[in-house]
């Protein structure tokens, strides 16, 4: 394809220090310390963006479990594909998760783990065969 050169005449720049930012260095997470608790680690996460979402999910889950309400996890396949099955099973056995729903890919990854002890084939490699 042949594209014309970009017209940069209307581009304006602004000093980086004048920009409004959502995350500041003082807010960065602290690495988990040996012997530290999960609660302390979660508390160390920045109070911005997805960290706040994670806190909200944890808080809602704790409240639901304490009030004997169901916790339904709906997810794609990546948690299973990435090996989090034991964590999900443990949460179900402990009564934290009441129901688990996932897409067809989740079922495939779970089945492959159960049948052959592995999952997540290299799709690109398969396409090159």
C-alpha atoms as a PDB file:
ATOM      1  CA  UNK A   1       0.000   0.000   0.000  1.00  0.00           C
ATOM      2  CA  UNK A   2       1.132   3.469  -0.752  1.00  0.00           C
ATOM      3  CA  UNK A   3       0.091   6.112   1.786  1.00  0.00           C
ATOM      4  CA  UNK A   4       0.637   9.854   1.440  1.00  0.00           C
ATOM      5  CA  UNK A   5       2.954  11.478   4.001  1.00  0.00           C
ATOM      6  CA  UNK A   6       1.288  12.600   7.220  1.00  0.00           C
ATOM      7  CA  UNK A   7       0.410  16.278   7.461  1.00  0.00           C
ATOM      8  CA  UNK A   8       1.925  17.339  10.794  1.00  0.00           C
ATOM      9  CA  UNK A   9       1.070  21.051  10.524  1.00  0.00           C
ATOM     10  CA  UNK A  10      -1.942  20.831  12.869  1.00  0.00           C
ATOM     11  CA  UNK A  11      -0.188  18.819  15.588  1.00  0.00           C
ATOM     12  CA  UNK A  12       0.216  20.692  18.870  1.00  0.00           C
ATOM     13  CA  UNK A  13       2.382  19.638  21.776  1.00  0.00           C
ATOM     14  CA  UNK A  14       1.989  20.338  25.482  1.00  0.00           C
ATOM     15  CA  UNK A  15       4.590  19.989  28.228  1.00  0.00           C
ATOM     16  CA  UNK A  16       4.369  16.570  29.883  1.00  0.00           C
ATOM     17  CA  UNK A  17       4.548  18.102  33.372  1.00  0.00           C
ATOM     18  CA  UNK A  18       1.347  20.075  32.675  1.00  0.00           C
ATOM     19  CA  UNK A  19      -0.661  16.996  31.747  1.00  0.00           C
ATOM     20  CA  UNK A  20      -3.233  15.601  34.151  1.00  0.00           C
ATOM     21  CA  UNK A  21      -2.234  12.061  35.226  1.00  0.00           C
ATOM     22  CA  UNK A  22      -4.169   9.223  36.830  1.00  0.00           C
ATOM     23  CA  UNK A  23      -1.258   7.416  38.502  1.00  0.00           C
ATOM     24  CA  UNK A  24       1.667   8.984  40.382  1.00  0.00           C
ATOM     25  CA  UNK A  25       4.945   7.421  41.517  1.00  0.00           C
ATOM     26  CA  UNK A  26       3.983   7.756  45.192  1.00  0.00           C
ATOM     27  CA  UNK A  27       0.959   5.519  44.510  1.00  0.00           C
ATOM     28  CA  UNK A  28       2.822   2.573  42.955  1.00  0.00           C
ATOM     29  CA  UNK A  29       2.279  -0.868  44.460  1.00  0.00           C
ATOM     30  CA  UNK A  30       4.709  -2.315  46.954  1.00  0.00           C
ATOM     31  CA  UNK A  31       5.985  -5.819  46.165  1.00  0.00           C
ATOM     32  CA  UNK A  32       4.747  -8.624  48.379  1.00  0.00           C
ATOM     33  CA  UNK A  33       7.120  -9.281  51.246  1.00  0.00           C
ATOM     34  CA  UNK A  34       7.879 -12.805  52.486  1.00  0.00           C
ATOM     35  CA  UNK A  35       5.661 -13.470  55.471  1.00  0.00           C
ATOM     36  CA  UNK A  36       3.271 -10.712  54.432  1.00  0.00           C
ATOM     37  CA  UNK A  37      -0.447 -11.319  54.156  1.00  0.00           C
ATOM     38  CA  UNK A  38      -2.569 -11.173  51.042  1.00  0.00           C
ATOM     39  CA  UNK A  39      -4.630  -8.463  52.736  1.00  0.00           C
ATOM     40  CA  UNK A  40      -1.521  -6.328  53.240  1.00  0.00           C
ATOM     41  CA  UNK A  41      -0.504  -6.845  49.617  1.00  0.00           C
ATOM     42  CA  UNK A  42      -3.965  -5.901  48.332  1.00  0.00           C
ATOM     43  CA  UNK A  43      -3.916  -2.849  50.589  1.00  0.00           C
ATOM     44  CA  UNK A  44      -0.582  -1.818  49.055  1.00  0.00           C
ATOM     45  CA  UNK A  45      -2.009  -1.676  45.537  1.00  0.00           C
ATOM     46  CA  UNK A  46      -2.549   1.808  44.102  1.00  0.00           C
ATOM     47  CA  UNK A  47      -5.989   3.253  44.761  1.00  0.00           C
ATOM     48  CA  UNK A  48      -6.585   3.903  41.065  1.00  0.00           C
ATOM     49  CA  UNK A  49      -8.116   2.314  37.977  1.00  0.00           C
ATOM     50  CA  UNK A  50      -8.325  -1.515  38.005  1.00  0.00           C
ATOM     51  CA  UNK A  51      -6.894  -1.763  41.536  1.00  0.00           C
ATOM     52  CA  UNK A  52     -10.040  -0.072  42.776  1.00  0.00           C
ATOM     53  CA  UNK A  53     -12.127  -2.495  40.719  1.00  0.00           C
ATOM     54  CA  UNK A  54     -10.295  -5.441  42.302  1.00  0.00           C
ATOM     55  CA  UNK A  55     -10.927  -4.038  45.784  1.00  0.00           C
ATOM     56  CA  UNK A  56     -14.616  -3.592  44.964  1.00  0.00           C
ATOM     57  CA  UNK A  57     -14.892  -7.211  43.765  1.00  0.00           C
ATOM     58  CA  UNK A  58     -13.111  -8.519  46.874  1.00  0.00           C
ATOM     59  CA  UNK A  59     -15.300  -6.387  49.141  1.00  0.00           C
ATOM     60  CA  UNK A  60     -18.540  -7.458  47.420  1.00  0.00           C
ATOM     61  CA  UNK A  61     -17.464 -11.104  47.554  1.00  0.00           C
ATOM     62  CA  UNK A  62     -16.645 -10.936  51.266  1.00  0.00           C
ATOM     63  CA  UNK A  63     -19.972  -9.246  51.983  1.00  0.00           C
ATOM     64  CA  UNK A  64     -21.886 -11.848  49.961  1.00  0.00           C
ATOM     65  CA  UNK A  65     -20.178 -14.781  51.700  1.00  0.00           C
ATOM     66  CA  UNK A  66     -20.731 -13.262  55.154  1.00  0.00           C
ATOM     67  CA  UNK A  67     -24.409 -12.737  54.333  1.00  0.00           C
ATOM     68  CA  UNK A  68     -24.798 -16.273  52.943  1.00  0.00           C
ATOM     69  CA  UNK A  69     -25.470 -14.921  49.460  1.00  0.00           C
ATOM     70  CA  UNK A  70     -24.336 -16.726  46.291  1.00  0.00           C
ATOM     71  CA  UNK A  71     -21.186 -15.653  44.489  1.00  0.00           C
ATOM     72  CA  UNK A  72     -21.351 -16.445  40.783  1.00  0.00           C
ATOM     73  CA  UNK A  73     -18.145 -16.086  38.786  1.00  0.00           C
ATOM     74  CA  UNK A  74     -18.634 -15.592  35.055  1.00  0.00           C
ATOM     75  CA  UNK A  75     -15.413 -15.598  33.077  1.00  0.00           C
ATOM     76  CA  UNK A  76     -13.661 -16.323  29.855  1.00  0.00           C
ATOM     77  CA  UNK A  77     -11.154 -19.116  29.402  1.00  0.00           C
ATOM     78  CA  UNK A  78      -7.951 -17.334  30.400  1.00  0.00           C
ATOM     79  CA  UNK A  79      -8.032 -18.149  34.133  1.00  0.00           C
ATOM     80  CA  UNK A  80      -8.253 -21.850  33.267  1.00  0.00           C
ATOM     81  CA  UNK A  81      -5.833 -21.551  30.355  1.00  0.00           C
ATOM     82  CA  UNK A  82      -3.318 -19.854  32.649  1.00  0.00           C
ATOM     83  CA  UNK A  83      -3.502 -22.564  35.303  1.00  0.00           C
ATOM     84  CA  UNK A  84      -5.788 -21.049  37.922  1.00  0.00           C
ATOM     85  CA  UNK A  85      -8.016 -24.156  38.145  1.00  0.00           C
ATOM     86  CA  UNK A  86      -6.685 -25.109  41.605  1.00  0.00           C
ATOM     87  CA  UNK A  87      -7.467 -21.620  42.935  1.00  0.00           C
ATOM     88  CA  UNK A  88     -11.002 -21.710  41.534  1.00  0.00           C
ATOM     89  CA  UNK A  89     -11.583 -25.208  42.916  1.00  0.00           C
ATOM     90  CA  UNK A  90     -10.305 -24.163  46.350  1.00  0.00           C
ATOM     91  CA  UNK A  91     -12.642 -21.154  46.356  1.00  0.00           C
ATOM     92  CA  UNK A  92     -15.568 -23.442  45.488  1.00  0.00           C
ATOM     93  CA  UNK A  93     -14.608 -25.980  48.169  1.00  0.00           C
ATOM     94  CA  UNK A  94     -14.365 -23.223  50.776  1.00  0.00           C
ATOM     95  CA  UNK A  95     -17.819 -21.953  49.828  1.00  0.00           C
ATOM     96  CA  UNK A  96     -16.614 -18.638  48.458  1.00  0.00           C
ATOM     97  CA  UNK A  97     -17.729 -19.329  44.883  1.00  0.00           C
ATOM     98  CA  UNK A  98     -21.261 -20.739  44.605  1.00  0.00           C
ATOM     99  CA  UNK A  99     -21.295 -21.191  40.843  1.00  0.00           C
ATOM    100  CA  UNK A 100     -18.770 -20.931  38.035  1.00  0.00           C
ATOM    101  CA  UNK A 101     -19.790 -20.154  34.466  1.00  0.00           C
ATOM    102  CA  UNK A 102     -17.443 -19.895  31.526  1.00  0.00           C
ATOM    103  CA  UNK A 103     -17.468 -20.033  27.759  1.00  0.00           C
ATOM    104  CA  UNK A 104     -16.783 -23.023  25.527  1.00  0.00           C
ATOM    105  CA  UNK A 105     -13.062 -22.326  25.464  1.00  0.00           C
ATOM    106  CA  UNK A 106     -13.042 -22.629  29.258  1.00  0.00           C
ATOM    107  CA  UNK A 107     -14.639 -26.060  28.973  1.00  0.00           C
ATOM    108  CA  UNK A 108     -12.076 -27.102  26.359  1.00  0.00           C
ATOM    109  CA  UNK A 109      -9.089 -25.982  28.470  1.00  0.00           C
ATOM    110  CA  UNK A 110     -10.547 -27.675  31.548  1.00  0.00           C
ATOM    111  CA  UNK A 111     -11.210 -30.899  29.624  1.00  0.00           C
ATOM    112  CA  UNK A 112      -7.701 -30.898  28.130  1.00  0.00           C
ATOM    113  CA  UNK A 113      -6.170 -30.419  31.586  1.00  0.00           C
ATOM    114  CA  UNK A 114      -8.247 -33.325  32.916  1.00  0.00           C
ATOM    115  CA  UNK A 115      -7.542 -35.626  29.959  1.00  0.00           C
ATOM    116  CA  UNK A 116      -3.882 -34.979  29.166  1.00  0.00           C
ATOM    117  CA  UNK A 117      -2.607 -32.731  31.971  1.00  0.00           C
ATOM    118  CA  UNK A 118      -1.882 -29.852  29.596  1.00  0.00           C
ATOM    119  CA  UNK A 119      -3.681 -27.191  27.569  1.00  0.00           C
ATOM    120  CA  UNK A 120      -3.152 -24.116  25.418  1.00  0.00           C
ATOM    121  CA  UNK A 121      -1.827 -25.529  22.190  1.00  0.00           C
ATOM    122  CA  UNK A 122       0.352 -23.258  20.083  1.00  0.00           C
ATOM    123  CA  UNK A 123      -2.241 -22.201  17.501  1.00  0.00           C
ATOM    124  CA  UNK A 124       0.286 -20.533  15.219  1.00  0.00           C
ATOM    125  CA  UNK A 125       2.368 -23.707  15.133  1.00  0.00           C
ATOM    126  CA  UNK A 126      -0.722 -25.701  14.210  1.00  0.00           C
ATOM    127  CA  UNK A 127      -1.555 -23.289  11.403  1.00  0.00           C
ATOM    128  CA  UNK A 128       1.951 -23.640   9.978  1.00  0.00           C
ATOM    129  CA  UNK A 129       1.676 -27.451   9.669  1.00  0.00           C
END
